[in-house]
N, C-alpha and C. Protein backbone atom coordinates (compact mmCIF):
# COMPACT_ATOMS: atom_id res chain seq x y z
N MET A 1 0.76 -1.15 0.26
CA MET A 1 -0.24 0.01 0.24
C MET A 1 0.66 1.54 0.05
N LEU A 2 0.47 2.24 -1.17
CA LEU A 2 1.46 3.47 -1.30
C LEU A 2 0.80 4.38 -0.04
N SER A 3 2.26 4.85 0.30
CA SER A 3 1.32 6.13 1.37
C SER A 3 2.36 7.71 1.28
N ASP A 4 3.19 7.90 0.41
CA ASP A 4 4.03 9.15 -0.35
C ASP A 4 2.53 9.61 -0.44
N PRO A 5 3.00 11.00 -1.14
CA PRO A 5 1.92 11.56 -1.82
C PRO A 5 2.84 11.84 -3.45
N LEU A 6 1.94 11.82 -3.95
CA LEU A 6 2.19 11.97 -5.95
C LEU A 6 2.77 13.34 -5.79
N PRO A 7 4.10 13.04 -6.79
CA PRO A 7 4.27 14.39 -7.03
C PRO A 7 3.74 15.18 -7.94
N THR A 8 3.14 16.46 -8.17
CA THR A 8 2.62 17.45 -9.28
C THR A 8 3.13 17.08 -10.25
N LEU A 9 4.40 17.84 -10.65
CA LEU A 9 5.24 18.14 -11.87
C LEU A 9 6.07 17.23 -12.15
N LEU A 10 6.17 16.77 -13.58
CA LEU A 10 7.08 15.75 -14.02
C LEU A 10 7.46 16.55 -15.34
N ASP A 11 9.00 16.72 -15.99
CA ASP A 11 9.24 16.74 -16.93
C ASP A 11 9.12 15.23 -17.96
N ALA A 12 7.70 14.91 -18.98
CA ALA A 12 7.47 14.05 -19.24
C ALA A 12 8.60 13.33 -20.31
N ARG A 13 9.33 14.05 -20.69
CA ARG A 13 10.69 13.82 -21.71
C ARG A 13 11.82 13.62 -21.22
N LYS A 14 11.95 13.72 -20.23
CA LYS A 14 13.10 13.68 -19.68
C LYS A 14 12.56 12.01 -18.65
N ALA A 15 11.01 11.86 -18.43
CA ALA A 15 11.18 10.53 -17.55
C ALA A 15 10.83 9.58 -18.47
N ALA A 16 10.24 9.57 -19.79
CA ALA A 16 10.46 8.55 -20.69
C ALA A 16 11.50 8.44 -20.91
N ALA A 17 12.47 8.71 -20.98
CA ALA A 17 13.82 8.78 -21.91
C ALA A 17 14.56 7.87 -20.62
N ARG A 18 14.57 8.56 -19.42
CA ARG A 18 14.81 7.48 -18.65
C ARG A 18 14.31 5.82 -17.75
N GLY A 19 12.90 6.08 -18.43
CA GLY A 19 12.02 4.62 -17.82
C GLY A 19 11.56 5.29 -16.58
N ALA A 20 11.24 5.79 -16.47
CA ALA A 20 11.13 6.60 -14.79
C ALA A 20 9.74 6.07 -14.45
N ALA A 21 9.63 5.61 -13.04
CA ALA A 21 7.89 4.99 -12.84
C ALA A 21 8.10 6.24 -11.14
N VAL A 22 6.84 6.79 -11.16
CA VAL A 22 6.45 7.27 -10.39
C VAL A 22 5.08 6.68 -9.48
N SER A 23 4.80 7.09 -8.19
CA SER A 23 4.11 6.62 -7.51
C SER A 23 3.25 7.43 -6.27
N GLY A 24 2.22 7.33 -6.22
CA GLY A 24 2.26 7.81 -4.47
C GLY A 24 0.20 7.98 -4.56
N VAL A 25 0.00 8.82 -3.46
CA VAL A 25 -1.26 8.79 -2.87
C VAL A 25 -1.83 10.25 -2.88
N LEU A 26 -3.32 9.97 -3.46
CA LEU A 26 -4.11 11.62 -3.26
C LEU A 26 -4.95 11.73 -2.27
N GLN A 27 -5.53 12.48 -2.29
CA GLN A 27 -7.11 12.44 -1.19
C GLN A 27 -7.91 13.24 -2.43
N PRO A 28 -9.40 12.97 -2.29
CA PRO A 28 -10.53 13.24 -3.38
C PRO A 28 -9.98 15.05 -3.05
N SER A 29 -9.45 15.58 -1.77
CA SER A 29 -9.81 17.08 -2.24
C SER A 29 -8.94 17.98 -2.79
N ASN A 30 -8.02 17.13 -3.55
CA ASN A 30 -6.53 17.34 -4.31
C ASN A 30 -6.96 17.71 -5.52
N LEU A 31 -8.35 16.72 -6.17
CA LEU A 31 -8.54 16.79 -7.44
C LEU A 31 -10.17 17.57 -7.68
N PRO A 32 -10.41 19.19 -7.63
CA PRO A 32 -11.25 19.59 -7.56
C PRO A 32 -12.67 18.96 -8.62
N ARG A 33 -12.24 18.39 -9.94
CA ARG A 33 -13.35 18.42 -10.34
C ARG A 33 -13.81 16.79 -10.57
N PHE A 34 -12.82 16.05 -10.18
CA PHE A 34 -13.16 14.64 -9.77
C PHE A 34 -14.06 14.48 -8.51
N GLN A 35 -13.71 15.39 -7.05
CA GLN A 35 -14.53 16.11 -6.04
C GLN A 35 -15.66 16.41 -6.12
N ALA A 36 -15.96 16.93 -7.48
CA ALA A 36 -17.29 17.74 -7.81
C ALA A 36 -18.00 16.28 -7.81
N LEU A 37 -18.01 15.40 -8.11
CA LEU A 37 -18.73 13.89 -8.82
C LEU A 37 -19.43 13.08 -7.24
N LEU A 38 -18.31 13.57 -6.36
CA LEU A 38 -18.19 12.83 -4.82
C LEU A 38 -19.09 13.09 -4.03
N ALA A 39 -19.67 12.20 -2.72
CA ALA A 39 -20.53 12.64 -2.16
C ALA A 39 -19.69 13.49 -0.74
N GLY A 40 -18.50 13.09 -0.85
CA GLY A 40 -17.69 14.32 0.24
C GLY A 40 -16.52 13.91 0.07
N ASP A 41 -15.80 14.12 1.06
CA ASP A 41 -14.02 14.11 0.60
C ASP A 41 -13.50 12.97 1.44
N GLU A 42 -14.19 12.30 2.06
CA GLU A 42 -13.43 11.12 2.03
C GLU A 42 -13.08 10.24 1.10
N GLY A 43 -11.69 9.46 1.38
CA GLY A 43 -11.45 8.48 0.50
C GLY A 43 -10.05 8.40 -0.07
N ARG A 44 -9.33 7.46 -0.70
CA ARG A 44 -8.26 7.30 -1.08
C ARG A 44 -7.82 7.34 -2.13
N ILE A 45 -6.77 8.04 -3.47
CA ILE A 45 -6.36 7.69 -4.66
C ILE A 45 -5.39 7.36 -4.61
N GLU A 46 -5.00 5.76 -5.19
CA GLU A 46 -3.73 5.37 -5.26
C GLU A 46 -3.26 5.08 -7.12
N ALA A 47 -1.96 6.17 -7.51
CA ALA A 47 -1.99 5.94 -9.02
C ALA A 47 -0.49 5.65 -8.92
N GLN A 48 -0.17 4.98 -9.83
CA GLN A 48 1.15 4.82 -10.27
C GLN A 48 1.23 5.38 -11.87
N LEU A 49 2.27 6.17 -12.36
CA LEU A 49 2.89 5.94 -13.83
C LEU A 49 3.93 5.48 -13.89
N ALA A 50 4.31 5.27 -15.28
CA ALA A 50 5.31 4.50 -15.74
C ALA A 50 5.35 4.84 -17.05
N PHE A 51 6.70 5.86 -16.68
CA PHE A 51 7.41 6.36 -18.30
C PHE A 51 8.37 5.84 -19.05
N ASN A 52 8.22 5.49 -20.38
CA ASN A 52 8.82 4.84 -21.05
C ASN A 52 8.84 4.82 -22.91
N ARG A 53 9.21 4.17 -23.91
CA ARG A 53 9.05 4.48 -24.98
C ARG A 53 8.95 3.20 -25.46
N ASP A 54 7.79 3.48 -26.54
CA ASP A 54 7.43 1.89 -27.06
C ASP A 54 8.46 1.08 -28.30
N GLU A 55 7.84 0.28 -28.57
CA GLU A 55 8.62 -0.15 -30.43
C GLU A 55 9.06 1.16 -30.97
N GLU A 56 8.44 1.98 -31.48
CA GLU A 56 8.75 3.11 -32.05
C GLU A 56 9.33 4.32 -31.41
N ASN A 57 9.82 3.50 -30.56
CA ASN A 57 10.50 4.91 -29.98
C ASN A 57 9.94 6.09 -29.70
N ARG A 58 8.65 6.43 -29.11
CA ARG A 58 7.68 6.88 -29.07
C ARG A 58 7.40 7.24 -27.49
N PRO A 59 7.42 8.49 -26.80
CA PRO A 59 7.33 8.32 -25.43
C PRO A 59 5.82 7.91 -24.66
N VAL A 60 5.73 7.20 -24.04
CA VAL A 60 4.64 6.68 -23.37
C VAL A 60 4.40 6.67 -22.04
N VAL A 61 3.49 7.05 -21.64
CA VAL A 61 3.01 6.67 -19.83
C VAL A 61 1.94 5.99 -19.81
N SER A 62 2.27 4.71 -19.10
CA SER A 62 1.20 3.95 -18.24
C SER A 62 0.82 4.58 -17.34
N VAL A 63 -0.52 4.49 -16.69
CA VAL A 63 -1.09 5.04 -15.71
C VAL A 63 -2.09 3.63 -15.30
N GLU A 64 -1.75 3.50 -13.91
CA GLU A 64 -3.14 2.63 -13.02
C GLU A 64 -3.66 3.29 -11.68
N VAL A 65 -4.54 3.60 -11.84
CA VAL A 65 -5.45 4.61 -10.75
C VAL A 65 -6.20 3.67 -10.15
N SER A 66 -6.45 3.53 -8.68
CA SER A 66 -7.23 2.84 -7.83
C SER A 66 -7.76 3.91 -6.77
N ALA A 67 -8.91 3.89 -6.72
CA ALA A 67 -9.50 4.65 -5.77
C ALA A 67 -10.52 4.01 -5.05
N GLN A 68 -10.84 4.45 -3.58
CA GLN A 68 -11.78 4.72 -2.58
C GLN A 68 -12.84 5.22 -2.03
N VAL A 69 -13.87 5.70 -2.46
CA VAL A 69 -14.56 7.28 -2.48
C VAL A 69 -16.01 6.62 -2.15
N GLN A 70 -16.68 7.49 -1.81
CA GLN A 70 -18.41 8.31 -1.37
C GLN A 70 -18.98 8.57 -2.92
N VAL A 71 -19.80 8.10 -2.61
CA VAL A 71 -20.60 8.76 -4.21
C VAL A 71 -22.33 8.76 -3.54
N THR A 72 -22.97 9.38 -4.44
CA THR A 72 -24.80 9.63 -4.04
C THR A 72 -25.01 8.54 -4.82
N CYS A 73 -25.76 7.58 -3.90
CA CYS A 73 -26.95 6.57 -4.45
C CYS A 73 -27.86 7.50 -5.30
N GLN A 74 -28.28 6.85 -6.78
CA GLN A 74 -29.39 7.76 -7.11
C GLN A 74 -30.49 7.24 -7.11
N ARG A 75 -30.82 6.34 -5.89
CA ARG A 75 -31.95 5.38 -5.82
C ARG A 75 -32.72 6.43 -4.68
N CYS A 76 -31.61 6.24 -3.45
CA CYS A 76 -32.23 6.88 -2.11
C CYS A 76 -31.20 7.94 -2.06
N LEU A 77 -30.78 8.47 -2.42
CA LEU A 77 -30.03 9.53 -2.27
C LEU A 77 -28.58 9.77 -1.00
N GLN A 78 -28.32 8.40 -0.58
CA GLN A 78 -27.88 8.59 0.40
C GLN A 78 -26.39 7.74 0.04
N PRO A 79 -24.92 8.46 0.93
CA PRO A 79 -23.72 8.47 0.43
C PRO A 79 -23.34 6.65 -0.14
N MET A 80 -23.14 5.88 -0.58
CA MET A 80 -22.40 4.86 -0.64
C MET A 80 -20.79 4.83 -1.17
N PRO A 81 -20.11 3.91 -0.47
CA PRO A 81 -18.90 3.45 -1.14
C PRO A 81 -18.69 2.87 -2.55
N LEU A 82 -18.03 3.61 -3.35
CA LEU A 82 -17.42 3.40 -4.57
C LEU A 82 -15.96 2.60 -4.88
N ALA A 83 -15.40 1.73 -5.36
CA ALA A 83 -14.16 1.29 -5.72
C ALA A 83 -13.97 1.46 -7.37
N LEU A 84 -12.99 2.25 -7.64
CA LEU A 84 -12.89 2.56 -8.77
C LEU A 84 -11.19 2.15 -9.69
N ASN A 85 -11.15 1.43 -10.11
CA ASN A 85 -9.78 0.61 -10.48
C ASN A 85 -9.81 0.66 -12.10
N GLY A 86 -8.53 1.23 -12.71
CA GLY A 86 -8.71 1.37 -14.10
C GLY A 86 -6.93 1.57 -14.73
N ALA A 87 -6.84 1.35 -15.57
CA ALA A 87 -5.32 1.63 -16.50
C ALA A 87 -5.48 2.67 -17.53
N ALA A 88 -4.70 2.57 -17.89
CA ALA A 88 -4.23 3.58 -19.36
C ALA A 88 -3.22 3.63 -20.26
N ARG A 89 -3.20 3.94 -21.55
CA ARG A 89 -1.74 3.92 -21.73
C ARG A 89 -1.66 4.90 -22.57
N LEU A 90 -1.01 6.30 -22.29
CA LEU A 90 -1.41 7.64 -23.16
C LEU A 90 -0.12 7.38 -24.30
N GLY A 91 -0.08 8.19 -25.09
CA GLY A 91 1.18 8.41 -26.43
C GLY A 91 1.65 10.09 -25.89
N ILE A 92 2.96 10.56 -25.13
CA ILE A 92 3.12 12.05 -25.01
C ILE A 92 3.45 12.96 -26.16
N VAL A 93 2.70 13.91 -26.46
CA VAL A 93 2.94 14.79 -27.47
C VAL A 93 2.83 15.73 -27.04
N TRP A 94 3.69 16.67 -28.03
CA TRP A 94 3.73 18.34 -28.10
C TRP A 94 2.59 19.24 -28.53
N THR A 95 2.23 18.75 -29.67
CA THR A 95 1.17 19.68 -30.42
C THR A 95 -0.05 18.36 -30.64
N ASP A 96 -1.37 18.82 -31.00
CA ASP A 96 -2.31 18.59 -31.26
C ASP A 96 -2.57 17.90 -32.21
N GLU A 97 -1.75 18.43 -32.90
CA GLU A 97 -1.19 17.39 -34.81
C GLU A 97 -0.03 16.38 -34.76
N GLN A 98 0.55 16.29 -33.53
CA GLN A 98 1.09 15.17 -33.40
C GLN A 98 0.36 13.76 -32.77
N ALA A 99 -0.42 14.40 -32.05
CA ALA A 99 -1.86 13.79 -31.17
C ALA A 99 -2.54 13.23 -32.40
N ARG A 100 -2.91 13.46 -33.48
CA ARG A 100 -3.88 12.97 -35.35
C ARG A 100 -2.89 11.71 -35.38
N HIS A 101 -1.53 11.97 -35.17
CA HIS A 101 -0.94 10.86 -35.85
C HIS A 101 -0.59 9.36 -34.88
N LEU A 102 -1.00 9.19 -33.78
CA LEU A 102 -0.60 8.46 -32.95
C LEU A 102 -1.74 6.69 -33.41
N PRO A 103 -1.11 6.49 -32.76
CA PRO A 103 -2.05 4.67 -33.22
C PRO A 103 -3.21 4.86 -32.24
N ARG A 104 -4.12 3.76 -32.62
CA ARG A 104 -5.60 4.02 -31.81
C ARG A 104 -5.57 3.44 -30.51
N ASP A 105 -4.04 2.70 -30.20
CA ASP A 105 -3.99 2.20 -28.86
C ASP A 105 -3.46 3.15 -27.59
N LEU A 106 -3.31 4.30 -28.08
CA LEU A 106 -2.72 5.28 -27.09
C LEU A 106 -3.66 6.62 -27.39
N ASP A 107 -4.16 6.39 -25.79
CA ASP A 107 -4.52 7.98 -25.81
C ASP A 107 -3.71 9.23 -25.99
N PRO A 108 -3.87 10.36 -26.41
CA PRO A 108 -2.70 11.62 -26.33
C PRO A 108 -3.04 12.51 -25.04
N LEU A 109 -1.55 12.57 -24.95
CA LEU A 109 -1.32 13.58 -23.61
C LEU A 109 -0.18 14.48 -23.99
N VAL A 110 -0.94 15.68 -24.06
CA VAL A 110 -0.41 16.70 -24.99
C VAL A 110 0.11 17.40 -23.66
N VAL A 111 1.55 17.78 -23.74
CA VAL A 111 2.53 18.48 -22.64
C VAL A 111 2.83 19.55 -23.32
N GLY A 112 3.11 20.26 -22.21
CA GLY A 112 4.03 21.62 -22.55
C GLY A 112 5.45 21.68 -22.52
N GLU A 113 6.17 22.51 -22.53
CA GLU A 113 7.24 22.60 -21.88
C GLU A 113 7.49 22.55 -20.88
N GLU A 114 6.92 23.38 -19.71
CA GLU A 114 7.19 23.11 -18.22
C GLU A 114 6.99 21.48 -17.93
N GLY A 115 6.70 21.06 -18.42
CA GLY A 115 6.12 19.51 -17.90
C GLY A 115 4.73 19.25 -17.47
N CYS A 116 4.50 18.00 -17.38
CA CYS A 116 3.16 17.51 -17.45
C CYS A 116 2.62 17.77 -15.53
N ASN A 117 1.63 17.64 -15.28
CA ASN A 117 0.71 17.74 -14.34
C ASN A 117 0.27 16.61 -13.43
N LEU A 118 0.71 15.38 -13.24
CA LEU A 118 0.11 14.06 -12.97
C LEU A 118 -0.61 14.03 -12.33
N TRP A 119 -1.06 15.24 -11.36
CA TRP A 119 -2.58 15.03 -10.92
C TRP A 119 -3.45 15.16 -11.86
N ASP A 120 -3.06 16.19 -13.12
CA ASP A 120 -3.99 16.88 -13.52
C ASP A 120 -4.74 14.74 -14.45
N ILE A 121 -3.57 14.29 -14.40
CA ILE A 121 -3.73 12.71 -15.58
C ILE A 121 -4.42 11.94 -14.26
N VAL A 122 -4.17 11.67 -13.71
CA VAL A 122 -4.73 10.92 -12.49
C VAL A 122 -6.60 11.22 -12.40
N GLU A 123 -6.79 13.18 -12.24
CA GLU A 123 -7.79 13.05 -12.18
C GLU A 123 -8.80 12.65 -13.35
N GLU A 124 -7.88 12.84 -14.87
CA GLU A 124 -9.06 13.07 -15.96
C GLU A 124 -9.20 11.29 -16.02
N GLU A 125 -8.46 10.01 -15.78
CA GLU A 125 -8.58 8.92 -15.71
C GLU A 125 -9.77 8.41 -14.34
N LEU A 126 -9.60 9.05 -13.45
CA LEU A 126 -10.28 8.79 -12.34
C LEU A 126 -12.01 9.35 -12.89
N ILE A 127 -11.98 10.13 -13.61
CA ILE A 127 -13.55 10.95 -14.45
C ILE A 127 -13.89 9.97 -14.98
N LEU A 128 -12.97 9.78 -16.04
CA LEU A 128 -13.49 8.74 -16.78
C LEU A 128 -13.45 7.30 -16.59
N LEU A 129 -13.52 7.10 -15.35
CA LEU A 129 -13.73 5.54 -14.73
C LEU A 129 -15.20 5.47 -14.07
N MET A 130 -15.41 6.63 -13.75
CA MET A 130 -17.01 6.99 -12.90
C MET A 130 -18.02 6.47 -13.88
N PRO A 131 -18.81 5.62 -12.70
CA PRO A 131 -19.64 5.53 -13.51
C PRO A 131 -20.92 6.26 -13.65
N PRO A 132 -21.73 6.05 -15.32
CA PRO A 132 -23.00 7.10 -14.59
C PRO A 132 -23.77 7.38 -14.22
N TYR A 133 -24.16 6.30 -13.45
CA TYR A 133 -25.21 6.43 -12.45
C TYR A 133 -24.07 5.51 -11.36
N SER A 134 -24.78 5.47 -9.98
CA SER A 134 -24.25 4.43 -8.71
C SER A 134 -25.49 4.23 -8.05
N TYR A 135 -25.72 2.97 -7.72
CA TYR A 135 -26.93 1.96 -7.07
C TYR A 135 -26.45 1.73 -6.14
N HIS A 136 -27.26 1.20 -4.50
CA HIS A 136 -26.61 0.62 -3.26
C HIS A 136 -27.59 -0.57 -3.96
N GLU A 137 -27.31 -1.87 -3.77
CA GLU A 137 -27.67 -2.75 -3.95
C GLU A 137 -29.50 -2.31 -3.88
N THR A 138 -30.48 -2.99 -4.12
CA THR A 138 -32.01 -2.81 -4.42
C THR A 138 -32.03 -3.49 -2.78
N GLN A 139 -31.80 -4.37 -1.74
CA GLN A 139 -32.24 -4.24 -0.82
C GLN A 139 -31.73 -3.56 0.14
N ASP A 140 -30.93 -2.81 0.23
CA ASP A 140 -30.15 -1.89 0.67
C ASP A 140 -31.05 -0.78 0.70
N CYS A 141 -31.64 -0.08 -0.84
CA CYS A 141 -32.23 0.66 -0.98
C CYS A 141 -33.33 0.72 -0.70
N LYS A 142 -34.00 -0.28 -0.39
CA LYS A 142 -35.20 -0.83 0.25
C LYS A 142 -35.69 -0.91 1.46
N GLN A 143 -34.41 -0.93 2.35
CA GLN A 143 -34.69 -0.28 3.87
C GLN A 143 -34.29 0.70 4.04
N ILE A 144 -33.42 1.99 3.08
CA ILE A 144 -33.65 3.02 3.94
C ILE A 144 -34.73 3.56 3.21
N LEU A 145 -35.03 3.50 1.80
CA LEU A 145 -36.51 3.92 1.55
C LEU A 145 -37.54 3.57 2.62
N SER A 146 -37.78 2.62 3.15
CA SER A 146 -38.66 2.32 3.83
C SER A 146 -38.64 3.08 5.55
N GLU A 147 -37.28 3.53 6.05
CA GLU A 147 -37.74 4.23 7.15
C GLU A 147 -38.09 5.13 6.95
N TYR A 148 -37.67 5.77 5.40
CA TYR A 148 -38.65 7.09 5.30
C TYR A 148 -39.67 6.95 5.38
N SER A 149 -40.09 5.64 4.88
CA SER A 149 -42.05 5.94 4.37
C SER A 149 -42.53 5.63 5.81
N ALA A 150 -41.78 4.71 7.22
CA ALA A 150 -42.35 4.84 8.02
C ALA A 150 -42.98 5.66 9.21
N ASP A 151 -42.30 6.73 8.42
CA ASP A 151 -42.72 8.52 9.35
C ASP A 151 -43.96 9.35 8.52
N VAL A 152 -44.24 8.83 7.69
CA VAL A 152 -45.20 9.12 6.54
C VAL A 152 -46.65 8.79 7.32
N GLU A 153 -47.68 10.14 7.80
CA GLU A 153 -49.10 10.18 8.04
C GLU A 153 -49.77 9.30 7.63
N PRO A 154 -50.90 8.64 8.07
CA PRO A 154 -51.85 8.11 7.46
C PRO A 154 -52.44 8.85 6.73
N PRO A 155 -52.89 8.80 5.16
CA PRO A 155 -53.69 9.38 4.36
C PRO A 155 -55.21 9.59 5.09
N MET A 156 -54.91 11.19 4.70
CA MET A 156 -56.37 11.86 5.11
C MET A 156 -57.77 10.80 4.59
N GLU A 157 -58.83 11.24 5.36
CA GLU A 157 -60.25 10.55 5.02
C GLU A 157 -60.44 10.87 3.91
N PRO A 158 -61.30 10.58 2.63
CA PRO A 158 -61.18 11.15 1.83
C PRO A 158 -62.44 11.86 1.83
N ALA A 159 -62.47 13.36 1.03
CA ALA A 159 -63.23 14.39 0.74
C ALA A 159 -64.52 13.92 1.00
N PRO A 160 -65.55 14.77 1.43
CA PRO A 160 -67.45 14.37 1.23
C PRO A 160 -67.58 14.34 -0.08
N GLU A 161 -68.22 13.87 -0.75
CA GLU A 161 -68.68 13.64 -2.25
C GLU A 161 -69.42 15.17 -2.10
N LYS A 162 -69.03 15.61 -3.53
CA LYS A 162 -69.97 16.70 -4.29
C LYS A 162 -70.82 16.25 -4.88
N PRO A 163 -71.87 17.46 -4.93
CA PRO A 163 -73.64 16.46 -5.18
C PRO A 163 -72.76 16.96 -6.78
N ASN A 164 -73.32 15.34 -7.73
CA ASN A 164 -73.04 15.90 -9.35
C ASN A 164 -74.12 16.93 -9.99
N PRO A 165 -73.35 17.59 -10.50
CA PRO A 165 -73.84 18.89 -11.09
C PRO A 165 -74.70 18.89 -12.36
N PHE A 166 -74.98 17.23 -13.12
CA PHE A 166 -75.81 16.88 -14.14
C PHE A 166 -76.88 16.29 -13.34
N ALA A 167 -77.11 16.11 -11.82
CA ALA A 167 -77.82 14.89 -11.22
C ALA A 167 -79.19 15.84 -11.68
N VAL A 168 -79.68 17.04 -11.71
CA VAL A 168 -80.85 18.26 -12.35
C VAL A 168 -81.21 17.62 -13.34
N LEU A 169 -80.05 17.51 -14.57
CA LEU A 169 -80.53 16.84 -15.76
C LEU A 169 -80.92 15.76 -15.95
N ALA A 170 -80.45 14.63 -15.03
CA ALA A 170 -80.82 13.42 -15.15
C ALA A 170 -82.52 13.08 -14.60
N GLN A 171 -82.60 14.29 -13.59
CA GLN A 171 -83.76 14.11 -12.73
C GLN A 171 -85.03 15.08 -14.19
N LEU A 172 -84.64 15.71 -14.82
CA LEU A 172 -85.50 16.04 -16.13
C LEU A 172 -85.84 15.33 -17.14
N LYS A 173 -85.00 14.40 -16.87
CA LYS A 173 -84.87 13.49 -18.12
C LYS A 173 -86.04 12.24 -17.73
N GLN A 174 -85.81 12.09 -16.27
CA GLN A 174 -86.97 11.15 -16.02
C GLN A 174 -88.63 11.91 -15.94
N ASP A 175 -88.53 12.76 -15.76
CA ASP A 175 -89.63 13.65 -15.68
C ASP A 175 -90.44 13.81 -17.05
N GLU A 176 -89.17 13.82 -18.81
CA GLU A 176 -90.42 13.70 -19.35
C GLU A 176 -90.15 12.38 -20.43
N GLU A 177 -89.75 11.72 -19.89
CA GLU A 177 -90.23 10.00 -20.36
C GLU A 177 -91.55 10.03 -20.46
N PRO A 178 -92.39 9.20 -21.35
CA PRO A 178 -93.73 8.99 -21.86
C PRO A 178 -93.83 7.87 -20.67
N ARG A 179 -95.36 8.39 -20.58
CA ARG A 179 -95.84 7.67 -19.47
C ARG A 179 -97.26 6.31 -19.99
N SER A 180 -96.86 5.16 -19.68
CA SER A 180 -97.77 4.16 -20.22
C SER A 180 -99.10 4.29 -19.34
């Protein structure tokens, strides 16, 4: 289990040339866009990034992330734990034109001269791993929702019936029928 914080910035070009590997831990509060998708600040994020060159001598980074966080159940609106695990392989490029020429198995990572922000890479991968909807197991939600329904007041007595405005017409019709 990792315990050191993940560094923020790294020169991707030099790291790929050296075959560097970086790993560390983050908190959801370190990643504001990802944190906005969560039910709270609790959680732990572990990341491993391995920089190297592929068979065509392109700089690449392999990213592995795992996170234990709290999200909101869309059925009962209560917090629930969620485990996220994923891996990605990114081709390191400096321009959008270079990104267009990457093979399909590599997602582009466009970096500037100042280096790449490792926290941004991890945050992007976590956002991509988030499910569109999160739900407790059905029986867990039913139990939670039953607690809400137990406090509901009994239904009110039905309102007294109002007189039918067409009853007068029915009475007139009966009066006009031919008598035998």
